[in-house]
C-alpha atoms as a PDB file:
ATOM      1  CA  UNK A   1      -3.734  19.949  11.826  1.00  0.00           C
ATOM      2  CA  UNK A   2      -1.087  17.259  11.464  1.00  0.00           C
ATOM      3  CA  UNK A   3      -1.495  13.474  11.517  1.00  0.00           C
ATOM      4  CA  UNK A   4       1.311  10.905  11.125  1.00  0.00           C
ATOM      5  CA  UNK A   5       1.235   7.170  10.474  1.00  0.00           C
ATOM      6  CA  UNK A   6       3.622   4.599   8.948  1.00  0.00           C
ATOM      7  CA  UNK A   7       6.013   7.298   7.710  1.00  0.00           C
ATOM      8  CA  UNK A   8       3.257   9.379   6.083  1.00  0.00           C
ATOM      9  CA  UNK A   9       2.222  12.849   7.224  1.00  0.00           C
ATOM     10  CA  UNK A  10      -1.124  14.495   6.482  1.00  0.00           C
ATOM     11  CA  UNK A  11      -1.148  18.260   7.042  1.00  0.00           C
ATOM     12  CA  UNK A  12      -4.218  20.477   6.798  1.00  0.00           C
ATOM     13  CA  UNK A  13      -3.931  24.258   6.873  1.00  0.00           C
ATOM     14  CA  UNK A  14      -7.238  26.012   6.386  1.00  0.00           C
ATOM     15  CA  UNK A  15      -8.860  23.946   3.632  1.00  0.00           C
ATOM     16  CA  UNK A  16      -5.599  22.884   1.976  1.00  0.00           C
ATOM     17  CA  UNK A  17      -4.366  19.327   2.531  1.00  0.00           C
ATOM     18  CA  UNK A  18      -1.021  17.697   1.743  1.00  0.00           C
ATOM     19  CA  UNK A  19       0.073  14.108   2.241  1.00  0.00           C
ATOM     20  CA  UNK A  20       3.822  13.496   2.219  1.00  0.00           C
ATOM     21  CA  UNK A  21       6.568  11.107   3.224  1.00  0.00           C
ATOM     22  CA  UNK A  22      10.343  11.086   2.848  1.00  0.00           C
ATOM     23  CA  UNK A  23       9.937  11.294  -0.937  1.00  0.00           C
ATOM     24  CA  UNK A  24       8.021  14.572  -0.798  1.00  0.00           C
ATOM     25  CA  UNK A  25       4.413  15.641  -1.308  1.00  0.00           C
ATOM     26  CA  UNK A  26       2.395  12.766  -2.732  1.00  0.00           C
ATOM     27  CA  UNK A  27      -1.113  14.217  -2.817  1.00  0.00           C
ATOM     28  CA  UNK A  28      -2.594  17.677  -2.248  1.00  0.00           C
ATOM     29  CA  UNK A  29      -5.720  19.743  -2.742  1.00  0.00           C
ATOM     30  CA  UNK A  30      -8.628  21.539  -1.070  1.00  0.00           C
ATOM     31  CA  UNK A  31     -10.809  19.388   1.154  1.00  0.00           C
ATOM     32  CA  UNK A  32     -13.621  21.847   1.815  1.00  0.00           C
ATOM     33  CA  UNK A  33     -14.921  25.289   0.880  1.00  0.00           C
ATOM     34  CA  UNK A  34     -14.477  26.549   4.428  1.00  0.00           C
ATOM     35  CA  UNK A  35     -12.231  25.354   7.260  1.00  0.00           C
ATOM     36  CA  UNK A  36     -15.274  24.890   9.469  1.00  0.00           C
ATOM     37  CA  UNK A  37     -16.669  22.410   6.945  1.00  0.00           C
ATOM     38  CA  UNK A  38     -13.827  19.939   7.526  1.00  0.00           C
ATOM     39  CA  UNK A  39     -15.486  17.045   9.447  1.00  0.00           C
ATOM     40  CA  UNK A  40     -14.090  15.935  12.785  1.00  0.00           C
ATOM     41  CA  UNK A  41     -11.785  12.971  12.323  1.00  0.00           C
ATOM     42  CA  UNK A  42     -11.403  13.677   8.597  1.00  0.00           C
ATOM     43  CA  UNK A  43      -7.591  13.772   8.696  1.00  0.00           C
ATOM     44  CA  UNK A  44      -7.210  10.372  10.342  1.00  0.00           C
ATOM     45  CA  UNK A  45      -9.688   8.708   7.968  1.00  0.00           C
ATOM     46  CA  UNK A  46      -8.184  10.374   4.875  1.00  0.00           C
ATOM     47  CA  UNK A  47      -4.655   9.265   5.799  1.00  0.00           C
ATOM     48  CA  UNK A  48      -5.793   5.717   6.540  1.00  0.00           C
ATOM     49  CA  UNK A  49      -7.534   5.521   3.149  1.00  0.00           C
ATOM     50  CA  UNK A  50      -4.467   6.893   1.364  1.00  0.00           C
ATOM     51  CA  UNK A  51      -2.195   4.315   3.016  1.00  0.00           C
ATOM     52  CA  UNK A  52      -4.555   1.468   2.094  1.00  0.00           C
ATOM     53  CA  UNK A  53      -4.622   2.599  -1.536  1.00  0.00           C
ATOM     54  CA  UNK A  54      -0.849   3.100  -1.727  1.00  0.00           C
ATOM     55  CA  UNK A  55       0.495  -0.088  -0.153  1.00  0.00           C
ATOM     56  CA  UNK A  56       1.815  -3.163  -1.933  1.00  0.00           C
ATOM     57  CA  UNK A  57      -0.801  -5.871  -2.233  1.00  0.00           C
ATOM     58  CA  UNK A  58       0.074  -9.171  -0.616  1.00  0.00           C
ATOM     59  CA  UNK A  59      -1.543 -11.100  -3.451  1.00  0.00           C
ATOM     60  CA  UNK A  60      -2.310 -10.169  -7.022  1.00  0.00           C
ATOM     61  CA  UNK A  61      -5.903  -9.668  -8.150  1.00  0.00           C
ATOM     62  CA  UNK A  62      -7.657  -8.746 -11.415  1.00  0.00           C
ATOM     63  CA  UNK A  63      -7.121  -5.038 -10.761  1.00  0.00           C
ATOM     64  CA  UNK A  64      -3.465  -5.310  -9.681  1.00  0.00           C
ATOM     65  CA  UNK A  65      -0.315  -6.194 -11.646  1.00  0.00           C
ATOM     66  CA  UNK A  66       2.977  -6.446  -9.742  1.00  0.00           C
ATOM     67  CA  UNK A  67       6.506  -6.499 -11.147  1.00  0.00           C
ATOM     68  CA  UNK A  68      10.077  -6.028  -9.868  1.00  0.00           C
ATOM     69  CA  UNK A  69      12.251  -3.545 -11.777  1.00  0.00           C
ATOM     70  CA  UNK A  70      15.755  -2.132 -11.642  1.00  0.00           C
ATOM     71  CA  UNK A  71      16.001   1.629 -11.209  1.00  0.00           C
ATOM     72  CA  UNK A  72      19.235   2.697 -12.922  1.00  0.00           C
ATOM     73  CA  UNK A  73      19.093   6.194 -11.470  1.00  0.00           C
ATOM     74  CA  UNK A  74      18.746   4.941  -7.895  1.00  0.00           C
ATOM     75  CA  UNK A  75      20.933   1.880  -8.628  1.00  0.00           C
ATOM     76  CA  UNK A  76      18.582  -0.432  -6.763  1.00  0.00           C
ATOM     77  CA  UNK A  77      15.657  -2.744  -7.299  1.00  0.00           C
ATOM     78  CA  UNK A  78      12.165  -1.336  -6.830  1.00  0.00           C
ATOM     79  CA  UNK A  79       8.640  -2.690  -6.603  1.00  0.00           C
ATOM     80  CA  UNK A  80       6.029  -1.742  -9.196  1.00  0.00           C
ATOM     81  CA  UNK A  81       2.300  -2.161  -8.803  1.00  0.00           C
ATOM     82  CA  UNK A  82      -0.207  -1.289 -11.498  1.00  0.00           C
ATOM     83  CA  UNK A  83      -3.693  -0.683 -10.119  1.00  0.00           C
ATOM     84  CA  UNK A  84      -7.051   0.135 -11.639  1.00  0.00           C
ATOM     85  CA  UNK A  85      -8.653   2.599  -9.198  1.00  0.00           C
ATOM     86  CA  UNK A  86     -12.323   2.111  -8.409  1.00  0.00           C
ATOM     87  CA  UNK A  87     -14.435   4.052 -10.873  1.00  0.00           C
ATOM     88  CA  UNK A  88     -11.492   4.767 -13.191  1.00  0.00           C
ATOM     89  CA  UNK A  89     -10.985   3.429 -16.717  1.00  0.00           C
ATOM     90  CA  UNK A  90      -7.190   3.739 -16.789  1.00  0.00           C
ATOM     91  CA  UNK A  91      -4.410   1.941 -14.924  1.00  0.00           C
ATOM     92  CA  UNK A  92      -1.962   3.774 -12.679  1.00  0.00           C
ATOM     93  CA  UNK A  93       1.506   2.387 -11.938  1.00  0.00           C
ATOM     94  CA  UNK A  94       2.673   2.895  -8.359  1.00  0.00           C
ATOM     95  CA  UNK A  95       6.371   2.833  -7.465  1.00  0.00           C
ATOM     96  CA  UNK A  96       7.846   1.592  -4.163  1.00  0.00           C
ATOM     97  CA  UNK A  97      11.455   1.402  -3.010  1.00  0.00           C
ATOM     98  CA  UNK A  98      13.112  -1.809  -1.791  1.00  0.00           C
ATOM     99  CA  UNK A  99      11.607  -1.281   1.656  1.00  0.00           C
ATOM    100  CA  UNK A 100       8.140  -0.977   0.103  1.00  0.00           C
ATOM    101  CA  UNK A 101       7.927   2.742   0.868  1.00  0.00           C
ATOM    102  CA  UNK A 102       5.637   4.487  -1.617  1.00  0.00           C
ATOM    103  CA  UNK A 103       7.547   6.844  -3.937  1.00  0.00           C
ATOM    104  CA  UNK A 104       4.893   8.038  -6.367  1.00  0.00           C
ATOM    105  CA  UNK A 105       2.862   6.944  -9.358  1.00  0.00           C
ATOM    106  CA  UNK A 106       2.636   7.264 -13.133  1.00  0.00           C
ATOM    107  CA  UNK A 107      -0.558   7.364 -15.187  1.00  0.00           C
ATOM    108  CA  UNK A 108      -0.208   4.746 -17.915  1.00  0.00           C
ATOM    109  CA  UNK A 109      -3.077   5.677 -20.200  1.00  0.00           C
ATOM    110  CA  UNK A 110      -3.848   1.965 -20.558  1.00  0.00           C
ATOM    111  CA  UNK A 111      -7.363   0.572 -20.270  1.00  0.00           C
ATOM    112  CA  UNK A 112      -6.639  -3.138 -20.194  1.00  0.00           C
ATOM    113  CA  UNK A 113      -4.505  -5.456 -18.086  1.00  0.00           C
ATOM    114  CA  UNK A 114      -2.412  -6.798 -20.970  1.00  0.00           C
ATOM    115  CA  UNK A 115      -1.836  -3.247 -22.219  1.00  0.00           C
ATOM    116  CA  UNK A 116      -0.507  -2.015 -18.886  1.00  0.00           C
ATOM    117  CA  UNK A 117       1.810  -5.020 -18.629  1.00  0.00           C
ATOM    118  CA  UNK A 118       3.288  -4.142 -22.027  1.00  0.00           C
ATOM    119  CA  UNK A 119       3.507  -0.494 -20.950  1.00  0.00           C
ATOM    120  CA  UNK A 120       5.449  -1.447 -17.814  1.00  0.00           C
ATOM    121  CA  UNK A 121       7.934  -3.424 -19.921  1.00  0.00           C
ATOM    122  CA  UNK A 122       8.359  -0.468 -22.270  1.00  0.00           C
ATOM    123  CA  UNK A 123       8.865   2.129 -19.529  1.00  0.00           C
ATOM    124  CA  UNK A 124      10.744   0.206 -16.820  1.00  0.00           C
ATOM    125  CA  UNK A 125      13.624  -2.262 -16.647  1.00  0.00           C
ATOM    126  CA  UNK A 126      11.498  -5.236 -15.577  1.00  0.00           C
ATOM    127  CA  UNK A 127      13.516  -8.041 -14.009  1.00  0.00           C
ATOM    128  CA  UNK A 128      13.528 -11.553 -15.451  1.00  0.00           C
ATOM    129  CA  UNK A 129      15.213 -14.138 -13.259  1.00  0.00           C
ATOM    130  CA  UNK A 130      16.243 -17.667 -12.583  1.00  0.00           C
ATOM    131  CA  UNK A 131      14.066 -19.376  -9.984  1.00  0.00           C
ATOM    132  CA  UNK A 132      15.648 -21.747  -7.466  1.00  0.00           C
ATOM    133  CA  UNK A 133      14.266 -24.021  -4.772  1.00  0.00           C
ATOM    134  CA  UNK A 134      14.501 -23.502  -1.015  1.00  0.00           C
ATOM    135  CA  UNK A 135      15.898 -26.428   0.984  1.00  0.00           C
ATOM    136  CA  UNK A 136      15.368 -26.628   4.736  1.00  0.00           C
ATOM    137  CA  UNK A 137      15.873 -29.038   7.614  1.00  0.00           C
ATOM    138  CA  UNK A 138      12.522 -30.698   8.315  1.00  0.00           C
ATOM    139  CA  UNK A 139      13.547 -31.601  11.873  1.00  0.00           C
ATOM    140  CA  UNK A 140      14.817 -28.263  13.189  1.00  0.00           C
ATOM    141  CA  UNK A 141      11.960 -26.162  11.862  1.00  0.00           C
ATOM    142  CA  UNK A 142      12.340 -22.524  10.895  1.00  0.00           C
ATOM    143  CA  UNK A 143      15.445 -20.748  12.227  1.00  0.00           C
ATOM    144  CA  UNK A 144      15.154 -17.652  10.026  1.00  0.00           C
ATOM    145  CA  UNK A 145      13.056 -15.587  12.467  1.00  0.00           C
ATOM    146  CA  UNK A 146      10.381 -15.423   9.755  1.00  0.00           C
ATOM    147  CA  UNK A 147      12.821 -14.590   6.964  1.00  0.00           C
ATOM    148  CA  UNK A 148      11.771 -14.661   3.310  1.00  0.00           C
ATOM    149  CA  UNK A 149      12.685 -18.344   2.973  1.00  0.00           C
ATOM    150  CA  UNK A 150      10.595 -19.370   5.999  1.00  0.00           C
ATOM    151  CA  UNK A 151       7.530 -20.275   3.958  1.00  0.00           C
ATOM    152  CA  UNK A 152       8.703 -19.975   0.343  1.00  0.00           C
ATOM    153  CA  UNK A 153       9.305 -23.055  -1.780  1.00  0.00           C
ATOM    154  CA  UNK A 154      11.165 -21.024  -4.416  1.00  0.00           C
ATOM    155  CA  UNK A 155      12.991 -17.691  -4.635  1.00  0.00           C
ATOM    156  CA  UNK A 156      14.066 -15.550  -7.596  1.00  0.00           C
ATOM    157  CA  UNK A 157      17.728 -14.664  -8.142  1.00  0.00           C
ATOM    158  CA  UNK A 158      18.292 -11.074  -9.254  1.00  0.00           C
ATOM    159  CA  UNK A 159      21.445 -10.960 -11.384  1.00  0.00           C
ATOM    160  CA  UNK A 160      22.851  -9.632 -14.649  1.00  0.00           C
ATOM    161  CA  UNK A 161      22.236 -13.038 -16.192  1.00  0.00           C
ATOM    162  CA  UNK A 162      18.543 -13.125 -16.934  1.00  0.00           C
ATOM    163  CA  UNK A 163      16.169 -16.049 -16.646  1.00  0.00           C
ATOM    164  CA  UNK A 164      12.696 -16.989 -17.855  1.00  0.00           C
ATOM    165  CA  UNK A 165      10.738 -15.923 -14.771  1.00  0.00           C
ATOM    166  CA  UNK A 166       9.449 -12.473 -13.783  1.00  0.00           C
ATOM    167  CA  UNK A 167       8.962 -12.088 -10.026  1.00  0.00           C
ATOM    168  CA  UNK A 168       5.893 -10.180  -8.895  1.00  0.00           C
ATOM    169  CA  UNK A 169       7.131  -9.197  -5.455  1.00  0.00           C
ATOM    170  CA  UNK A 170      10.546  -8.007  -4.270  1.00  0.00           C
ATOM    171  CA  UNK A 171       9.930 -10.028  -1.108  1.00  0.00           C
ATOM    172  CA  UNK A 172      10.402 -13.141  -3.280  1.00  0.00           C
ATOM    173  CA  UNK A 173      13.838 -12.050  -4.516  1.00  0.00           C
ATOM    174  CA  UNK A 174      17.466 -12.495  -3.462  1.00  0.00           C
ATOM    175  CA  UNK A 175      20.813 -11.337  -4.783  1.00  0.00           C
ATOM    176  CA  UNK A 176      24.123 -13.195  -4.712  1.00  0.00           C
ATOM    177  CA  UNK A 177      26.951 -12.038  -2.440  1.00  0.00           C
ATOM    178  CA  UNK A 178      30.602 -13.094  -2.689  1.00  0.00           C
ATOM    179  CA  UNK A 179      33.027 -12.264   0.099  1.00  0.00           C
ATOM    180  CA  UNK A 180      36.292 -13.487   1.586  1.00  0.00           C
ATOM    181  CA  UNK A 181      36.014 -15.282   4.904  1.00  0.00           C
ATOM    182  CA  UNK A 182      39.173 -16.525   6.651  1.00  0.00           C
ATOM    183  CA  UNK A 183      41.048 -16.515   3.360  1.00  0.00           C
ATOM    184  CA  UNK A 184      38.362 -18.406   1.447  1.00  0.00           C
ATOM    185  CA  UNK A 185      35.624 -17.164  -0.824  1.00  0.00           C
ATOM    186  CA  UNK A 186      32.194 -17.479   0.713  1.00  0.00           C
ATOM    187  CA  UNK A 187      29.014 -17.368  -1.378  1.00  0.00           C
ATOM    188  CA  UNK A 188      25.542 -16.667  -0.047  1.00  0.00           C
ATOM    189  CA  UNK A 189      22.369 -14.895  -1.063  1.00  0.00           C
ATOM    190  CA  UNK A 190      20.438 -12.158   0.726  1.00  0.00           C
ATOM    191  CA  UNK A 191      16.985 -10.608   0.362  1.00  0.00           C
ATOM    192  CA  UNK A 192      16.549  -7.712  -2.044  1.00  0.00           C
ATOM    193  CA  UNK A 193      13.890  -6.540   0.421  1.00  0.00           C
ATOM    194  CA  UNK A 194      15.435  -4.250   3.083  1.00  0.00           C
ATOM    195  CA  UNK A 195      18.941  -4.914   1.648  1.00  0.00           C
ATOM    196  CA  UNK A 196      20.656  -2.687   4.235  1.00  0.00           C
ATOM    197  CA  UNK A 197      19.625  -4.920   7.124  1.00  0.00           C
ATOM    198  CA  UNK A 198      22.274  -7.027   8.858  1.00  0.00           C
ATOM    199  CA  UNK A 199      21.179 -10.492   7.703  1.00  0.00           C
ATOM    200  CA  UNK A 200      22.709 -13.763   8.840  1.00  0.00           C
ATOM    201  CA  UNK A 201      22.352 -17.422   7.924  1.00  0.00           C
ATOM    202  CA  UNK A 202      18.978 -18.828   8.913  1.00  0.00           C
ATOM    203  CA  UNK A 203      19.660 -22.487   8.099  1.00  0.00           C
ATOM    204  CA  UNK A 204      18.031 -22.712   4.673  1.00  0.00           C
ATOM    205  CA  UNK A 205      19.754 -23.194   1.314  1.00  0.00           C
ATOM    206  CA  UNK A 206      19.064 -22.254  -2.294  1.00  0.00           C
ATOM    207  CA  UNK A 207      19.671 -24.525  -5.276  1.00  0.00           C
ATOM    208  CA  UNK A 208      18.425 -25.622  -8.676  1.00  0.00           C
ATOM    209  CA  UNK A 209      19.780 -28.155 -11.136  1.00  0.00           C
ATOM    210  CA  UNK A 210      19.443 -25.541 -13.897  1.00  0.00           C
ATOM    211  CA  UNK A 211      22.960 -25.008 -15.311  1.00  0.00           C
ATOM    212  CA  UNK A 212      22.450 -21.250 -15.102  1.00  0.00           C
ATOM    213  CA  UNK A 213      22.608 -21.502 -11.312  1.00  0.00           C
ATOM    214  CA  UNK A 214      26.312 -22.326 -11.491  1.00  0.00           C
ATOM    215  CA  UNK A 215      26.884 -19.545 -14.037  1.00  0.00           C
ATOM    216  CA  UNK A 216      25.206 -16.989 -11.769  1.00  0.00           C
ATOM    217  CA  UNK A 217      26.518 -18.109  -8.377  1.00  0.00           C
ATOM    218  CA  UNK A 218      29.927 -19.509  -9.451  1.00  0.00           C
ATOM    219  CA  UNK A 219      29.053 -22.507  -7.272  1.00  0.00           C
ATOM    220  CA  UNK A 220      27.956 -26.022  -8.177  1.00  0.00           C
ATOM    221  CA  UNK A 221      26.589 -26.580  -4.676  1.00  0.00           C
ATOM    222  CA  UNK A 222      23.598 -25.157  -2.771  1.00  0.00           C
ATOM    223  CA  UNK A 223      24.303 -21.757  -1.202  1.00  0.00           C
ATOM    224  CA  UNK A 224      23.257 -20.481   2.197  1.00  0.00           C
ATOM    225  CA  UNK A 225      20.324 -18.089   2.381  1.00  0.00           C
ATOM    226  CA  UNK A 226      21.164 -15.249   4.749  1.00  0.00           C
ATOM    227  CA  UNK A 227      17.703 -13.969   5.652  1.00  0.00           C
ATOM    228  CA  UNK A 228      17.638 -14.097   9.444  1.00  0.00           C
ATOM    229  CA  UNK A 229      17.176 -10.640  10.957  1.00  0.00           C
ATOM    230  CA  UNK A 230      17.104  -9.965  14.679  1.00  0.00           C
ATOM    231  CA  UNK A 231      16.445  -6.214  14.717  1.00  0.00           C
ATOM    232  CA  UNK A 232      13.182  -4.319  14.695  1.00  0.00           C
ATOM    233  CA  UNK A 233      11.084  -5.370  11.676  1.00  0.00           C
ATOM    234  CA  UNK A 234      10.442  -1.787  10.614  1.00  0.00           C
ATOM    235  CA  UNK A 235      14.150  -0.912  10.547  1.00  0.00           C
END
């Protein structure tokens, strides 16, 4: 039996079950004593439950701690999410890539929220950033095609120069891009979320009066936010 959804595959052979995605087998084990004991519709329900429990939360809650980290081995930013499973006394830290695809998890051995936050800082390169404001044209409305600056009042700048703020969600973060355009240097910022997408200017700008903005961007003026994407949202 094989069921697929959202990039995950659940495979049952006899009584043995495996759930996998592009990062390999994520969960496995026996589901019954006899193949005939596997309930009808079990695979679909089990996969749906797994996906719900291994997706990035939209908003933090008392049993969820989110952080953005830099993975030196992968050379990219990743999303971390510490969760306290129902009925468990210890926090587990889930890892997601920059497209929010689940990669795996690590048992922290921590019982309390403040402990697991310290543990995450000790075991991952947690990002600390400068936060800057989003400026938009109040008359034209949103031209980003629901880009990350469409509803945000502030975004976090991921850079070597650190700042005082720790973003919770990679969907709140941008990185600075410098490139030559018609013989002149052009500076913009792009989302760290789905960084391989072909983004374009959506009409909004990023700026803060904090002097570190100029140090990071090499610009004393607001920079264009390139977060408009016209392809399929899942690509």
